[in-house]
Structure formats: structure tokens, C-alpha cells
PDB file of N, CA and C in Angstrom:
ATOM      1  N   UNK A   1     -44.954  50.152 -26.041  1.00  0.00           N
ATOM      2  CA  UNK A   1     -43.735  50.902 -25.824  1.00  0.00           C
ATOM      3  C   UNK A   1     -43.218  50.711 -24.398  1.00  0.00           C
ATOM      4  N   UNK A   2     -44.134  50.778 -23.436  1.00  0.00           N
ATOM      5  CA  UNK A   2     -43.727  50.594 -22.048  1.00  0.00           C
ATOM      6  C   UNK A   2     -43.185  49.176 -21.847  1.00  0.00           C
ATOM      7  N   UNK A   3     -43.809  48.222 -22.532  1.00  0.00           N
ATOM      8  CA  UNK A   3     -43.370  46.836 -22.408  1.00  0.00           C
ATOM      9  C   UNK A   3     -41.931  46.680 -22.910  1.00  0.00           C
ATOM     10  N   UNK A   4     -41.578  47.346 -23.997  1.00  0.00           N
ATOM     11  CA  UNK A   4     -40.220  47.284 -24.527  1.00  0.00           C
ATOM     12  C   UNK A   4     -39.227  47.897 -23.544  1.00  0.00           C
ATOM     13  N   UNK A   5     -39.614  48.975 -22.904  1.00  0.00           N
ATOM     14  CA  UNK A   5     -38.729  49.641 -21.941  1.00  0.00           C
ATOM     15  C   UNK A   5     -38.481  48.718 -20.744  1.00  0.00           C
ATOM     16  N   UNK A   6     -39.535  48.039 -20.283  1.00  0.00           N
ATOM     17  CA  UNK A   6     -39.392  47.116 -19.152  1.00  0.00           C
ATOM     18  C   UNK A   6     -38.473  45.964 -19.527  1.00  0.00           C
ATOM     19  N   UNK A   7     -38.659  45.393 -20.714  1.00  0.00           N
ATOM     20  CA  UNK A   7     -37.833  44.267 -21.154  1.00  0.00           C
ATOM     21  C   UNK A   7     -36.385  44.701 -21.317  1.00  0.00           C
ATOM     22  N   UNK A   8     -36.142  45.828 -21.910  1.00  0.00           N
ATOM     23  CA  UNK A   8     -34.780  46.328 -22.112  1.00  0.00           C
ATOM     24  C   UNK A   8     -34.130  46.633 -20.760  1.00  0.00           C
ATOM     25  N   UNK A   9     -34.874  47.238 -19.843  1.00  0.00           N
ATOM     26  CA  UNK A   9     -34.339  47.541 -18.506  1.00  0.00           C
ATOM     27  C   UNK A   9     -33.974  46.257 -17.763  1.00  0.00           C
ATOM     28  N   UNK A  10     -34.837  45.245 -17.867  1.00  0.00           N
ATOM     29  CA  UNK A  10     -34.560  43.973 -17.213  1.00  0.00           C
ATOM     30  C   UNK A  10     -33.304  43.338 -17.791  1.00  0.00           C
ATOM     31  N   UNK A  11     -33.144  43.399 -19.098  1.00  0.00           N
ATOM     32  CA  UNK A  11     -31.941  42.835 -19.739  1.00  0.00           C
ATOM     33  C   UNK A  11     -30.687  43.573 -19.298  1.00  0.00           C
ATOM     34  N   UNK A  12     -30.760  44.868 -19.182  1.00  0.00           N
ATOM     35  CA  UNK A  12     -29.601  45.664 -18.745  1.00  0.00           C
ATOM     36  C   UNK A  12     -29.237  45.316 -17.304  1.00  0.00           C
ATOM     37  N   UNK A  13     -30.236  45.198 -16.450  1.00  0.00           N
ATOM     38  CA  UNK A  13     -29.977  44.836 -15.059  1.00  0.00           C
ATOM     39  C   UNK A  13     -29.359  43.440 -14.942  1.00  0.00           C
ATOM     40  N   UNK A  14     -29.880  42.487 -15.710  1.00  0.00           N
ATOM     41  CA  UNK A  14     -29.315  41.136 -15.689  1.00  0.00           C
ATOM     42  C   UNK A  14     -27.880  41.122 -16.201  1.00  0.00           C
ATOM     43  N   UNK A  15     -27.619  41.889 -17.240  1.00  0.00           N
ATOM     44  CA  UNK A  15     -26.266  41.963 -17.782  1.00  0.00           C
ATOM     45  C   UNK A  15     -25.311  42.583 -16.775  1.00  0.00           C
ATOM     46  N   UNK A  16     -25.769  43.558 -16.038  1.00  0.00           N
ATOM     47  CA  UNK A  16     -24.919  44.195 -15.028  1.00  0.00           C
ATOM     48  C   UNK A  16     -24.575  43.215 -13.913  1.00  0.00           C
ATOM     49  N   UNK A  17     -25.519  42.350 -13.575  1.00  0.00           N
ATOM     50  CA  UNK A  17     -25.269  41.364 -12.517  1.00  0.00           C
ATOM     51  C   UNK A  17     -24.325  40.266 -12.987  1.00  0.00           C
ATOM     52  N   UNK A  18     -24.297  39.986 -14.250  1.00  0.00           N
ATOM     53  CA  UNK A  18     -23.524  38.867 -14.774  1.00  0.00           C
ATOM     54  C   UNK A  18     -22.133  39.240 -15.239  1.00  0.00           C
ATOM     55  N   UNK A  19     -21.680  40.446 -14.974  1.00  0.00           N
ATOM     56  CA  UNK A  19     -20.374  40.855 -15.501  1.00  0.00           C
ATOM     57  C   UNK A  19     -19.201  40.313 -14.693  1.00  0.00           C
ATOM     58  N   UNK A  20     -19.461  39.655 -13.552  1.00  0.00           N
ATOM     59  CA  UNK A  20     -18.387  38.998 -12.809  1.00  0.00           C
ATOM     60  C   UNK A  20     -17.496  39.929 -12.030  1.00  0.00           C
ATOM     61  N   UNK A  21     -17.900  41.154 -11.771  1.00  0.00           N
ATOM     62  CA  UNK A  21     -17.054  42.072 -11.016  1.00  0.00           C
ATOM     63  C   UNK A  21     -17.258  41.959  -9.509  1.00  0.00           C
ATOM     64  N   UNK A  22     -18.083  41.013  -9.069  1.00  0.00           N
ATOM     65  CA  UNK A  22     -18.328  40.842  -7.639  1.00  0.00           C
ATOM     66  C   UNK A  22     -17.074  40.393  -6.912  1.00  0.00           C
ATOM     67  N   UNK A  23     -16.902  40.818  -5.694  1.00  0.00           N
ATOM     68  CA  UNK A  23     -15.746  40.462  -4.887  1.00  0.00           C
ATOM     69  C   UNK A  23     -16.062  39.179  -4.134  1.00  0.00           C
ATOM     70  N   UNK A  24     -15.168  38.220  -4.226  1.00  0.00           N
ATOM     71  CA  UNK A  24     -15.353  36.968  -3.511  1.00  0.00           C
ATOM     72  C   UNK A  24     -14.371  36.904  -2.353  1.00  0.00           C
ATOM     73  N   UNK A  25     -14.922  36.755  -1.151  1.00  0.00           N
ATOM     74  CA  UNK A  25     -14.073  36.630   0.027  1.00  0.00           C
ATOM     75  C   UNK A  25     -13.599  35.190   0.142  1.00  0.00           C
ATOM     76  N   UNK A  26     -12.335  35.022   0.400  1.00  0.00           N
ATOM     77  CA  UNK A  26     -11.774  33.687   0.603  1.00  0.00           C
ATOM     78  C   UNK A  26     -11.095  33.667   1.954  1.00  0.00           C
ATOM     79  N   UNK A  27     -11.439  32.658   2.717  1.00  0.00           N
ATOM     80  CA  UNK A  27     -10.865  32.504   4.039  1.00  0.00           C
ATOM     81  C   UNK A  27     -10.109  31.188   4.069  1.00  0.00           C
ATOM     82  N   UNK A  28      -8.890  31.233   4.540  1.00  0.00           N
ATOM     83  CA  UNK A  28      -8.085  30.024   4.623  1.00  0.00           C
ATOM     84  C   UNK A  28      -8.602  29.124   5.744  1.00  0.00           C
ATOM     85  N   UNK A  29      -8.570  27.831   5.509  1.00  0.00           N
ATOM     86  CA  UNK A  29      -8.961  26.880   6.540  1.00  0.00           C
ATOM     87  C   UNK A  29      -7.891  26.830   7.614  1.00  0.00           C
ATOM     88  N   UNK A  30      -8.282  26.638   8.872  1.00  0.00           N
ATOM     89  CA  UNK A  30      -7.261  26.504   9.915  1.00  0.00           C
ATOM     90  C   UNK A  30      -6.484  25.204   9.729  1.00  0.00           C
ATOM     91  N   UNK A  31      -5.283  25.175  10.256  1.00  0.00           N
ATOM     92  CA  UNK A  31      -4.479  23.960  10.125  1.00  0.00           C
ATOM     93  C   UNK A  31      -5.102  22.851  10.977  1.00  0.00           C
ATOM     94  N   UNK A  32      -4.969  21.603  10.536  1.00  0.00           N
ATOM     95  CA  UNK A  32      -5.551  20.498  11.310  1.00  0.00           C
ATOM     96  C   UNK A  32      -4.772  20.294  12.605  1.00  0.00           C
ATOM     97  N   UNK A  33      -5.427  19.703  13.614  1.00  0.00           N
ATOM     98  CA  UNK A  33      -4.703  19.429  14.851  1.00  0.00           C
ATOM     99  C   UNK A  33      -3.663  18.341  14.621  1.00  0.00           C
ATOM    100  N   UNK A  34      -2.670  18.266  15.490  1.00  0.00           N
ATOM    101  CA  UNK A  34      -1.673  17.207  15.340  1.00  0.00           C
ATOM    102  C   UNK A  34      -2.330  15.829  15.457  1.00  0.00           C
ATOM    103  N   UNK A  35      -1.835  14.833  14.724  1.00  0.00           N
ATOM    104  CA  UNK A  35      -2.423  13.489  14.812  1.00  0.00           C
ATOM    105  C   UNK A  35      -2.068  12.810  16.131  1.00  0.00           C
ATOM    106  N   UNK A  36      -2.853  11.829  16.489  1.00  0.00           N
ATOM    107  CA  UNK A  36      -2.578  11.063  17.701  1.00  0.00           C
ATOM    108  C   UNK A  36      -3.703  11.182  18.706  1.00  0.00           C
ATOM    109  N   UNK A  37      -3.789  10.222  19.580  1.00  0.00           N
ATOM    110  CA  UNK A  37      -4.848  10.175  20.588  1.00  0.00           C
ATOM    111  C   UNK A  37      -4.233   9.929  21.966  1.00  0.00           C
ATOM    112  N   UNK A  38      -4.794  10.533  23.007  1.00  0.00           N
ATOM    113  CA  UNK A  38      -4.291  10.229  24.349  1.00  0.00           C
ATOM    114  C   UNK A  38      -4.695   8.810  24.750  1.00  0.00           C
ATOM    115  N   UNK A  39      -3.762   7.972  25.141  1.00  0.00           N
ATOM    116  CA  UNK A  39      -4.083   6.575  25.442  1.00  0.00           C
ATOM    117  C   UNK A  39      -5.047   6.406  26.611  1.00  0.00           C
ATOM    118  N   UNK A  40      -5.153   7.413  27.469  1.00  0.00           N
ATOM    119  CA  UNK A  40      -6.024   7.279  28.646  1.00  0.00           C
ATOM    120  C   UNK A  40      -7.510   7.398  28.310  1.00  0.00           C
ATOM    121  N   UNK A  41      -7.842   7.882  27.121  1.00  0.00           N
ATOM    122  CA  UNK A  41      -9.261   8.082  26.795  1.00  0.00           C
ATOM    123  C   UNK A  41      -9.743   7.255  25.611  1.00  0.00           C
ATOM    124  N   UNK A  42      -8.860   6.866  24.719  1.00  0.00           N
ATOM    125  CA  UNK A  42      -9.284   6.109  23.541  1.00  0.00           C
ATOM    126  C   UNK A  42      -9.781   4.734  23.963  1.00  0.00           C
ATOM    127  N   UNK A  43     -10.946   4.385  23.472  1.00  0.00           N
ATOM    128  CA  UNK A  43     -11.527   3.089  23.770  1.00  0.00           C
ATOM    129  C   UNK A  43     -12.414   3.065  25.005  1.00  0.00           C
ATOM    130  N   UNK A  44     -12.503   4.199  25.719  1.00  0.00           N
ATOM    131  CA  UNK A  44     -13.384   4.237  26.889  1.00  0.00           C
ATOM    132  C   UNK A  44     -14.832   4.055  26.446  1.00  0.00           C
ATOM    133  N   UNK A  45     -15.595   3.326  27.218  1.00  0.00           N
ATOM    134  CA  UNK A  45     -17.024   3.210  26.935  1.00  0.00           C
ATOM    135  C   UNK A  45     -17.705   4.515  27.340  1.00  0.00           C
ATOM    136  N   UNK A  46     -18.918   4.715  26.869  1.00  0.00           N
ATOM    137  CA  UNK A  46     -19.673   5.919  27.221  1.00  0.00           C
ATOM    138  C   UNK A  46     -19.854   6.004  28.737  1.00  0.00           C
ATOM    139  N   UNK A  47     -20.098   4.873  29.371  1.00  0.00           N
ATOM    140  CA  UNK A  47     -20.288   4.853  30.824  1.00  0.00           C
ATOM    141  C   UNK A  47     -18.996   5.239  31.548  1.00  0.00           C
ATOM    142  N   UNK A  48     -17.867   4.710  31.082  1.00  0.00           N
ATOM    143  CA  UNK A  48     -16.575   5.034  31.704  1.00  0.00           C
ATOM    144  C   UNK A  48     -16.230   6.508  31.488  1.00  0.00           C
ATOM    145  N   UNK A  49     -16.550   7.032  30.315  1.00  0.00           N
ATOM    146  CA  UNK A  49     -16.296   8.446  30.035  1.00  0.00           C
ATOM    147  C   UNK A  49     -17.129   9.320  30.963  1.00  0.00           C
ATOM    148  N   UNK A  50     -18.396   8.978  31.132  1.00  0.00           N
ATOM    149  CA  UNK A  50     -19.278   9.742  32.018  1.00  0.00           C
ATOM    150  C   UNK A  50     -18.800   9.631  33.475  1.00  0.00           C
ATOM    151  N   UNK A  51     -18.305   8.470  33.869  1.00  0.00           N
ATOM    152  CA  UNK A  51     -17.790   8.299  35.232  1.00  0.00           C
ATOM    153  C   UNK A  51     -16.536   9.137  35.459  1.00  0.00           C
ATOM    154  N   UNK A  52     -15.703   9.281  34.427  1.00  0.00           N
ATOM    155  CA  UNK A  52     -14.454  10.028  34.559  1.00  0.00           C
ATOM    156  C   UNK A  52     -14.654  11.537  34.457  1.00  0.00           C
ATOM    157  N   UNK A  53     -15.567  11.975  33.572  1.00  0.00           N
ATOM    158  CA  UNK A  53     -15.712  13.403  33.289  1.00  0.00           C
ATOM    159  C   UNK A  53     -17.066  13.996  33.686  1.00  0.00           C
ATOM    160  N   UNK A  54     -18.012  13.165  34.088  1.00  0.00           N
ATOM    161  CA  UNK A  54     -19.324  13.672  34.463  1.00  0.00           C
ATOM    162  C   UNK A  54     -20.234  13.817  33.250  1.00  0.00           C
ATOM    163  N   UNK A  55     -21.292  14.574  33.436  1.00  0.00           N
ATOM    164  CA  UNK A  55     -22.269  14.792  32.367  1.00  0.00           C
ATOM    165  C   UNK A  55     -21.727  15.819  31.389  1.00  0.00           C
ATOM    166  N   UNK A  56     -21.743  15.524  30.088  1.00  0.00           N
ATOM    167  CA  UNK A  56     -21.238  16.497  29.112  1.00  0.00           C
ATOM    168  C   UNK A  56     -22.133  17.733  29.037  1.00  0.00           C
ATOM    169  N   UNK A  57     -21.529  18.856  28.655  1.00  0.00           N
ATOM    170  CA  UNK A  57     -22.286  20.096  28.488  1.00  0.00           C
ATOM    171  C   UNK A  57     -23.161  20.036  27.243  1.00  0.00           C
ATOM    172  N   UNK A  58     -22.748  19.225  26.275  1.00  0.00           N
ATOM    173  CA  UNK A  58     -23.480  19.129  25.008  1.00  0.00           C
ATOM    174  C   UNK A  58     -23.291  17.736  24.438  1.00  0.00           C
ATOM    175  N   UNK A  59     -24.372  17.164  23.879  1.00  0.00           N
ATOM    176  CA  UNK A  59     -24.311  15.865  23.210  1.00  0.00           C
ATOM    177  C   UNK A  59     -25.032  15.987  21.876  1.00  0.00           C
ATOM    178  N   UNK A  60     -24.401  15.501  20.831  1.00  0.00           N
ATOM    179  CA  UNK A  60     -25.032  15.446  19.515  1.00  0.00           C
ATOM    180  C   UNK A  60     -24.992  14.000  19.043  1.00  0.00           C
ATOM    181  N   UNK A  61     -26.133  13.527  18.555  1.00  0.00           N
ATOM    182  CA  UNK A  61     -26.218  12.151  18.070  1.00  0.00           C
ATOM    183  C   UNK A  61     -26.481  12.167  16.569  1.00  0.00           C
ATOM    184  N   UNK A  62     -25.639  11.465  15.832  1.00  0.00           N
ATOM    185  CA  UNK A  62     -25.784  11.296  14.388  1.00  0.00           C
ATOM    186  C   UNK A  62     -25.741   9.812  14.087  1.00  0.00           C
ATOM    187  N   UNK A  63     -26.902   9.214  13.976  1.00  0.00           N
ATOM    188  CA  UNK A  63     -26.954   7.775  13.733  1.00  0.00           C
ATOM    189  C   UNK A  63     -26.347   7.026  14.902  1.00  0.00           C
ATOM    190  N   UNK A  64     -25.300   6.253  14.633  1.00  0.00           N
ATOM    191  CA  UNK A  64     -24.647   5.481  15.682  1.00  0.00           C
ATOM    192  C   UNK A  64     -23.405   6.177  16.235  1.00  0.00           C
ATOM    193  N   UNK A  65     -23.229   7.436  15.882  1.00  0.00           N
ATOM    194  CA  UNK A  65     -22.087   8.215  16.345  1.00  0.00           C
ATOM    195  C   UNK A  65     -22.575   9.313  17.284  1.00  0.00           C
ATOM    196  N   UNK A  66     -21.779   9.597  18.323  1.00  0.00           N
ATOM    197  CA  UNK A  66     -22.120  10.683  19.242  1.00  0.00           C
ATOM    198  C   UNK A  66     -20.916  11.597  19.434  1.00  0.00           C
ATOM    199  N   UNK A  67     -21.209  12.862  19.669  1.00  0.00           N
ATOM    200  CA  UNK A  67     -20.206  13.895  19.916  1.00  0.00           C
ATOM    201  C   UNK A  67     -20.517  14.468  21.294  1.00  0.00           C
ATOM    202  N   UNK A  68     -19.560  14.403  22.215  1.00  0.00           N
ATOM    203  CA  UNK A  68     -19.746  14.948  23.559  1.00  0.00           C
ATOM    204  C   UNK A  68     -18.763  16.089  23.763  1.00  0.00           C
ATOM    205  N   UNK A  69     -19.269  17.210  24.303  1.00  0.00           N
ATOM    206  CA  UNK A  69     -18.408  18.367  24.585  1.00  0.00           C
ATOM    207  C   UNK A  69     -18.406  18.640  26.086  1.00  0.00           C
ATOM    208  N   UNK A  70     -17.226  18.865  26.619  1.00  0.00           N
ATOM    209  CA  UNK A  70     -17.060  19.256  28.015  1.00  0.00           C
ATOM    210  C   UNK A  70     -16.417  20.637  28.031  1.00  0.00           C
ATOM    211  N   UNK A  71     -16.948  21.542  28.859  1.00  0.00           N
ATOM    212  CA  UNK A  71     -16.438  22.906  28.952  1.00  0.00           C
ATOM    213  C   UNK A  71     -15.706  23.108  30.266  1.00  0.00           C
ATOM    214  N   UNK A  72     -14.539  23.687  30.190  1.00  0.00           N
ATOM    215  CA  UNK A  72     -13.781  24.042  31.382  1.00  0.00           C
ATOM    216  C   UNK A  72     -13.530  25.534  31.392  1.00  0.00           C
ATOM    217  N   UNK A  73     -12.917  26.021  32.449  1.00  0.00           N
ATOM    218  CA  UNK A  73     -12.640  27.453  32.561  1.00  0.00           C
ATOM    219  C   UNK A  73     -11.612  27.917  31.521  1.00  0.00           C
ATOM    220  N   UNK A  74     -10.652  27.040  31.203  1.00  0.00           N
ATOM    221  CA  UNK A  74      -9.585  27.448  30.285  1.00  0.00           C
ATOM    222  C   UNK A  74      -9.493  26.589  29.033  1.00  0.00           C
ATOM    223  N   UNK A  75     -10.326  25.550  28.937  1.00  0.00           N
ATOM    224  CA  UNK A  75     -10.248  24.684  27.761  1.00  0.00           C
ATOM    225  C   UNK A  75     -11.561  23.941  27.556  1.00  0.00           C
ATOM    226  N   UNK A  76     -11.671  23.320  26.410  1.00  0.00           N
ATOM    227  CA  UNK A  76     -12.838  22.513  26.056  1.00  0.00           C
ATOM    228  C   UNK A  76     -12.341  21.181  25.500  1.00  0.00           C
ATOM    229  N   UNK A  77     -13.091  20.110  25.783  1.00  0.00           N
ATOM    230  CA  UNK A  77     -12.746  18.790  25.256  1.00  0.00           C
ATOM    231  C   UNK A  77     -13.895  18.271  24.414  1.00  0.00           C
ATOM    232  N   UNK A  78     -13.536  17.631  23.309  1.00  0.00           N
ATOM    233  CA  UNK A  78     -14.507  17.092  22.357  1.00  0.00           C
ATOM    234  C   UNK A  78     -14.228  15.604  22.174  1.00  0.00           C
ATOM    235  N   UNK A  79     -15.201  14.787  22.524  1.00  0.00           N
ATOM    236  CA  UNK A  79     -15.070  13.336  22.415  1.00  0.00           C
ATOM    237  C   UNK A  79     -15.983  12.837  21.308  1.00  0.00           C
ATOM    238  N   UNK A  80     -15.439  12.010  20.432  1.00  0.00           N
ATOM    239  CA  UNK A  80     -16.199  11.416  19.341  1.00  0.00           C
ATOM    240  C   UNK A  80     -16.352   9.933  19.653  1.00  0.00           C
ATOM    241  N   UNK A  81     -17.590   9.509  19.862  1.00  0.00           N
ATOM    242  CA  UNK A  81     -17.873   8.127  20.244  1.00  0.00           C
ATOM    243  C   UNK A  81     -18.511   7.390  19.073  1.00  0.00           C
ATOM    244  N   UNK A  82     -18.026   6.169  18.834  1.00  0.00           N
ATOM    245  CA  UNK A  82     -18.511   5.344  17.728  1.00  0.00           C
ATOM    246  C   UNK A  82     -18.946   3.990  18.273  1.00  0.00           C
ATOM    247  N   UNK A  83     -19.942   3.400  17.629  1.00  0.00           N
ATOM    248  CA  UNK A  83     -20.395   2.071  18.053  1.00  0.00           C
ATOM    249  C   UNK A  83     -19.433   1.012  17.535  1.00  0.00           C
ATOM    250  N   UNK A  84     -18.957   0.189  18.466  1.00  0.00           N
ATOM    251  CA  UNK A  84     -18.107  -0.947  18.146  1.00  0.00           C
ATOM    252  C   UNK A  84     -18.706  -2.153  18.851  1.00  0.00           C
ATOM    253  N   UNK A  85     -19.147  -3.142  18.070  1.00  0.00           N
ATOM    254  CA  UNK A  85     -19.804  -4.316  18.654  1.00  0.00           C
ATOM    255  C   UNK A  85     -20.963  -3.899  19.567  1.00  0.00           C
ATOM    256  N   UNK A  86     -21.763  -2.969  19.100  1.00  0.00           N
ATOM    257  CA  UNK A  86     -22.932  -2.398  19.795  1.00  0.00           C
ATOM    258  C   UNK A  86     -22.614  -1.718  21.128  1.00  0.00           C
ATOM    259  N   UNK A  87     -21.344  -1.330  21.327  1.00  0.00           N
ATOM    260  CA  UNK A  87     -20.952  -0.566  22.509  1.00  0.00           C
ATOM    261  C   UNK A  87     -20.377   0.765  22.029  1.00  0.00           C
ATOM    262  N   UNK A  88     -20.860   1.858  22.607  1.00  0.00           N
ATOM    263  CA  UNK A  88     -20.383   3.188  22.255  1.00  0.00           C
ATOM    264  C   UNK A  88     -19.048   3.434  22.943  1.00  0.00           C
ATOM    265  N   UNK A  89     -17.969   3.670  22.142  1.00  0.00           N
ATOM    266  CA  UNK A  89     -16.640   3.896  22.711  1.00  0.00           C
ATOM    267  C   UNK A  89     -16.004   5.133  22.097  1.00  0.00           C
ATOM    268  N   UNK A  90     -15.068   5.714  22.832  1.00  0.00           N
ATOM    269  CA  UNK A  90     -14.354   6.903  22.364  1.00  0.00           C
ATOM    270  C   UNK A  90     -13.390   6.494  21.258  1.00  0.00           C
ATOM    271  N   UNK A  91     -13.516   7.149  20.101  1.00  0.00           N
ATOM    272  CA  UNK A  91     -12.633   6.870  18.977  1.00  0.00           C
ATOM    273  C   UNK A  91     -11.702   8.017  18.645  1.00  0.00           C
ATOM    274  N   UNK A  92     -12.047   9.228  19.127  1.00  0.00           N
ATOM    275  CA  UNK A  92     -11.211  10.395  18.846  1.00  0.00           C
ATOM    276  C   UNK A  92     -11.471  11.445  19.912  1.00  0.00           C
ATOM    277  N   UNK A  93     -10.418  12.169  20.291  1.00  0.00           N
ATOM    278  CA  UNK A  93     -10.515  13.226  21.301  1.00  0.00           C
ATOM    279  C   UNK A  93      -9.725  14.428  20.828  1.00  0.00           C
ATOM    280  N   UNK A  94     -10.308  15.605  20.994  1.00  0.00           N
ATOM    281  CA  UNK A  94      -9.597  16.857  20.729  1.00  0.00           C
ATOM    282  C   UNK A  94      -9.864  17.819  21.870  1.00  0.00           C
ATOM    283  N   UNK A  95      -8.934  18.728  22.076  1.00  0.00           N
ATOM    284  CA  UNK A  95      -9.148  19.807  23.044  1.00  0.00           C
ATOM    285  C   UNK A  95      -8.834  21.137  22.373  1.00  0.00           C
ATOM    286  N   UNK A  96      -9.395  22.169  22.897  1.00  0.00           N
ATOM    287  CA  UNK A  96      -9.031  23.536  22.517  1.00  0.00           C
ATOM    288  C   UNK A  96      -8.605  24.236  23.785  1.00  0.00           C
ATOM    289  N   UNK A  97      -7.391  24.692  23.879  1.00  0.00           N
ATOM    290  CA  UNK A  97      -6.346  24.601  22.870  1.00  0.00           C
ATOM    291  C   UNK A  97      -5.856  23.158  22.692  1.00  0.00           C
ATOM    292  N   UNK A  98      -5.290  22.916  21.488  1.00  0.00           N
ATOM    293  CA  UNK A  98      -4.767  21.587  21.160  1.00  0.00           C
ATOM    294  C   UNK A  98      -3.522  21.296  21.993  1.00  0.00           C
ATOM    295  N   UNK A  99      -3.190  20.027  22.069  1.00  0.00           N
ATOM    296  CA  UNK A  99      -1.958  19.627  22.729  1.00  0.00           C
ATOM    297  C   UNK A  99      -0.758  19.972  21.863  1.00  0.00           C
ATOM    298  N   UNK A 100       0.416  19.878  22.442  1.00  0.00           N
ATOM    299  CA  UNK A 100       1.632  20.210  21.706  1.00  0.00           C
ATOM    300  C   UNK A 100       1.967  19.175  20.649  1.00  0.00           C
ATOM    301  N   UNK A 101       1.734  17.894  20.967  1.00  0.00           N
ATOM    302  CA  UNK A 101       2.129  16.858  20.020  1.00  0.00           C
ATOM    303  C   UNK A 101       0.959  16.025  19.494  1.00  0.00           C
ATOM    304  N   UNK A 102      -0.211  16.142  20.102  1.00  0.00           N
ATOM    305  CA  UNK A 102      -1.417  15.453  19.630  1.00  0.00           C
ATOM    306  C   UNK A 102      -2.611  16.391  19.752  1.00  0.00           C
ATOM    307  N   UNK A 103      -3.761  15.970  19.245  1.00  0.00           N
ATOM    308  CA  UNK A 103      -4.937  16.844  19.188  1.00  0.00           C
ATOM    309  C   UNK A 103      -5.542  17.141  20.554  1.00  0.00           C
ATOM    310  N   UNK A 104      -5.236  16.340  21.555  1.00  0.00           N
ATOM    311  CA  UNK A 104      -5.799  16.555  22.893  1.00  0.00           C
ATOM    312  C   UNK A 104      -4.691  16.857  23.893  1.00  0.00           C
ATOM    313  N   UNK A 105      -4.907  17.880  24.682  1.00  0.00           N
ATOM    314  CA  UNK A 105      -3.943  18.295  25.694  1.00  0.00           C
ATOM    315  C   UNK A 105      -4.235  17.561  27.005  1.00  0.00           C
ATOM    316  N   UNK A 106      -3.256  16.820  27.524  1.00  0.00           N
ATOM    317  CA  UNK A 106      -3.451  16.040  28.748  1.00  0.00           C
ATOM    318  C   UNK A 106      -3.814  16.916  29.944  1.00  0.00           C
ATOM    319  N   UNK A 107      -3.227  18.106  30.047  1.00  0.00           N
ATOM    320  CA  UNK A 107      -3.530  18.957  31.199  1.00  0.00           C
ATOM    321  C   UNK A 107      -4.976  19.459  31.136  1.00  0.00           C
ATOM    322  N   UNK A 108      -5.486  19.707  29.940  1.00  0.00           N
ATOM    323  CA  UNK A 108      -6.891  20.098  29.789  1.00  0.00           C
ATOM    324  C   UNK A 108      -7.796  18.946  30.197  1.00  0.00           C
ATOM    325  N   UNK A 109      -7.525  17.759  29.673  1.00  0.00           N
ATOM    326  CA  UNK A 109      -8.345  16.596  30.019  1.00  0.00           C
ATOM    327  C   UNK A 109      -8.311  16.343  31.514  1.00  0.00           C
ATOM    328  N   UNK A 110      -7.147  16.491  32.120  1.00  0.00           N
ATOM    329  CA  UNK A 110      -7.019  16.263  33.551  1.00  0.00           C
ATOM    330  C   UNK A 110      -7.826  17.297  34.346  1.00  0.00           C
ATOM    331  N   UNK A 111      -7.823  18.542  33.888  1.00  0.00           N
ATOM    332  CA  UNK A 111      -8.582  19.593  34.576  1.00  0.00           C
ATOM    333  C   UNK A 111     -10.084  19.340  34.495  1.00  0.00           C
ATOM    334  N   UNK A 112     -10.531  18.679  33.440  1.00  0.00           N
ATOM    335  CA  UNK A 112     -11.958  18.421  33.261  1.00  0.00           C
ATOM    336  C   UNK A 112     -12.430  17.161  33.981  1.00  0.00           C
ATOM    337  N   UNK A 113     -11.495  16.306  34.407  1.00  0.00           N
ATOM    338  CA  UNK A 113     -11.875  15.064  35.092  1.00  0.00           C
ATOM    339  C   UNK A 113     -12.533  15.374  36.439  1.00  0.00           C
ATOM    340  N   UNK A 114     -13.458  14.524  36.818  1.00  0.00           N
ATOM    341  CA  UNK A 114     -14.079  14.665  38.139  1.00  0.00           C
ATOM    342  C   UNK A 114     -13.062  14.431  39.248  1.00  0.00           C
ATOM    343  N   UNK A 115     -12.144  13.492  39.022  1.00  0.00           N
ATOM    344  CA  UNK A 115     -11.088  13.169  39.983  1.00  0.00           C
ATOM    345  C   UNK A 115      -9.756  13.219  39.234  1.00  0.00           C
ATOM    346  N   UNK A 116      -9.116  14.405  39.164  1.00  0.00           N
ATOM    347  CA  UNK A 116      -7.871  14.537  38.400  1.00  0.00           C
ATOM    348  C   UNK A 116      -6.791  13.556  38.866  1.00  0.00           C
ATOM    349  N   UNK A 117      -6.006  13.099  37.917  1.00  0.00           N
ATOM    350  CA  UNK A 117      -4.902  12.189  38.218  1.00  0.00           C
ATOM    351  C   UNK A 117      -3.595  12.967  38.126  1.00  0.00           C
ATOM    352  N   UNK A 118      -2.589  12.618  38.915  1.00  0.00           N
ATOM    353  CA  UNK A 118      -1.297  13.331  38.822  1.00  0.00           C
ATOM    354  C   UNK A 118      -0.682  13.136  37.437  1.00  0.00           C
ATOM    355  N   UNK A 119      -0.252  14.230  36.838  1.00  0.00           N
ATOM    356  CA  UNK A 119       0.406  14.169  35.536  1.00  0.00           C
ATOM    357  C   UNK A 119       1.912  14.152  35.739  1.00  0.00           C
ATOM    358  N   UNK A 120       2.634  13.454  34.858  1.00  0.00           N
ATOM    359  CA  UNK A 120       4.092  13.461  34.973  1.00  0.00           C
ATOM    360  C   UNK A 120       4.638  14.854  34.715  1.00  0.00           C
ATOM    361  N   UNK A 121       5.664  15.204  35.445  1.00  0.00           N
ATOM    362  CA  UNK A 121       6.310  16.514  35.288  1.00  0.00           C
ATOM    363  C   UNK A 121       7.349  16.380  34.181  1.00  0.00           C
ATOM    364  N   UNK A 122       7.278  17.326  33.214  1.00  0.00           N
ATOM    365  CA  UNK A 122       8.260  17.243  32.121  1.00  0.00           C
ATOM    366  C   UNK A 122       9.217  18.386  32.136  1.00  0.00           C
TER     367      UNK A 122
END
């Protein structure tokens, strides 16, 4: 008798879980950054990038790809380096906040450089 009560209780509990009344939270994905790359950084070798920006705050290596992050007081830069002809080069750059017309903001990149270059006044 006790065994029947346990089996019936288990079935009732399973049925209650399977009724589909659970609430599912859905979060919208953020919009992608604008396309485009800053010409001053695309194609830089890892050595040239390190010479221009110093040692990154964070490096992640995934096979032949590397991700370098630089932190500034008001922005962050993310460099994606890929092996091309056995040389690690910058293939994509993003900043937070994003640039107005491309994914990387020139003023952010300039602020993170070891030796900032004059930017054109617009």
C-alpha cells in the first residue's frame, strides 16, 4: 500500500512539473557594432601592437587566434589577432563604447596608445 502511494505521488509530482506553466525569461541580444575597421590598427603584427599599446591587461589564446584586451579609464579596446603566414596580426578591433561609424572609436584607441598621435579635428 505504501509503495502505491509513493508511486502515485511521484507521478503527480512529475505531471505537475510537465504542465508547461513555467515562466521563460527572454532577453534581447544587443545590436551588433557598426561594421568597419580602423586602418591604423588592422594588419598590425603582435609585436607592433605591443609596441603601440604596451602589455595587454588580458590575453586569451584559442588555437592560432588570440584576443587582447586593453583597459583605459573611460574605454576598453579588444583586439582579435589571427595567424596569417605564421605571423600573428590584428584582424578585428572593437572598443567600448563603440565608435560612431565603425566598431572601434579612434579617440579611445588613441587614449590607450603609449604615445598618442594627434587626431584630426572634425
